[in-house]
Amino acid sequence: MNAPEAYLQLTPGLIAPDGEVTVSSTEEFLRVFMQRFLEFTTRVPTVLPRPD
């Protein structure tokens, strides 16, 4: 994940007032992206140089 960012075109009704994503393909995209983002943020501290 070189650039941990995602772009969505927000359209009316894409996200319900309760936060539910109403388009299944967008929901799946966000679910996969967030899983990969979690993996990325978990891995970053393991490769950063530690202070001496």
Protein backbone atom coordinates (compact mmCIF):
# COMPACT_ATOMS: atom_id res chain seq x y z
CA MET A 1 0.00 0.00 0.00
CA ASN A 2 2.18 2.83 -1.28
CA ALA A 3 -0.46 5.52 -1.00
CA PRO A 4 -2.97 4.67 1.71
CA GLU A 5 -5.84 6.68 0.31
CA ALA A 6 -9.11 5.99 -1.43
CA TYR A 7 -11.38 8.21 -3.46
CA LEU A 8 -15.15 7.91 -3.57
CA GLN A 9 -17.63 9.84 -5.62
CA LEU A 10 -20.25 10.71 -3.07
CA THR A 11 -23.71 10.56 -4.53
CA PRO A 12 -27.00 11.21 -2.75
CA GLY A 13 -28.00 8.14 -0.78
CA LEU A 14 -24.61 6.39 -0.99
CA ILE A 15 -24.30 6.57 2.78
CA ALA A 16 -27.46 6.45 4.85
CA PRO A 17 -27.91 8.75 7.86
CA ASP A 18 -27.06 5.82 10.16
CA GLY A 19 -23.71 5.34 8.35
CA GLU A 20 -24.70 2.30 6.31
CA VAL A 21 -23.22 2.16 2.80
CA THR A 22 -26.14 1.45 0.50
CA VAL A 23 -24.23 0.24 -2.59
CA SER A 24 -22.88 -3.27 -2.09
CA SER A 25 -19.88 -2.86 -4.40
CA THR A 26 -18.83 0.32 -2.57
CA GLU A 27 -19.31 -1.40 0.77
CA GLU A 28 -17.09 -4.29 -0.34
CA PHE A 29 -14.46 -1.87 -1.68
CA LEU A 30 -14.38 -0.03 1.64
CA ARG A 31 -14.29 -3.26 3.63
CA VAL A 32 -11.29 -4.57 1.67
CA PHE A 33 -9.55 -1.17 1.73
CA MET A 34 -9.94 -0.85 5.51
CA GLN A 35 -8.64 -4.40 6.04
CA ARG A 36 -5.56 -3.62 3.96
CA PHE A 37 -5.14 -0.29 5.74
CA LEU A 38 -5.21 -2.09 9.10
CA GLU A 39 -2.57 -4.53 7.86
CA PHE A 40 -0.47 -1.62 6.59
CA THR A 41 -0.65 0.36 9.84
CA THR A 42 0.13 -2.77 11.85
CA ARG A 43 3.20 -3.49 9.72
CA VAL A 44 4.67 0.05 9.62
CA PRO A 45 6.07 0.07 13.18
CA THR A 46 7.91 -3.17 12.49
CA VAL A 47 9.99 -1.66 9.67
CA LEU A 48 10.67 1.83 11.02
CA PRO A 49 14.15 2.43 12.42
CA ARG A 50 14.19 2.40 16.19
CA PRO A 51 15.94 5.23 18.01
CA ASP A 52 19.31 4.29 19.54
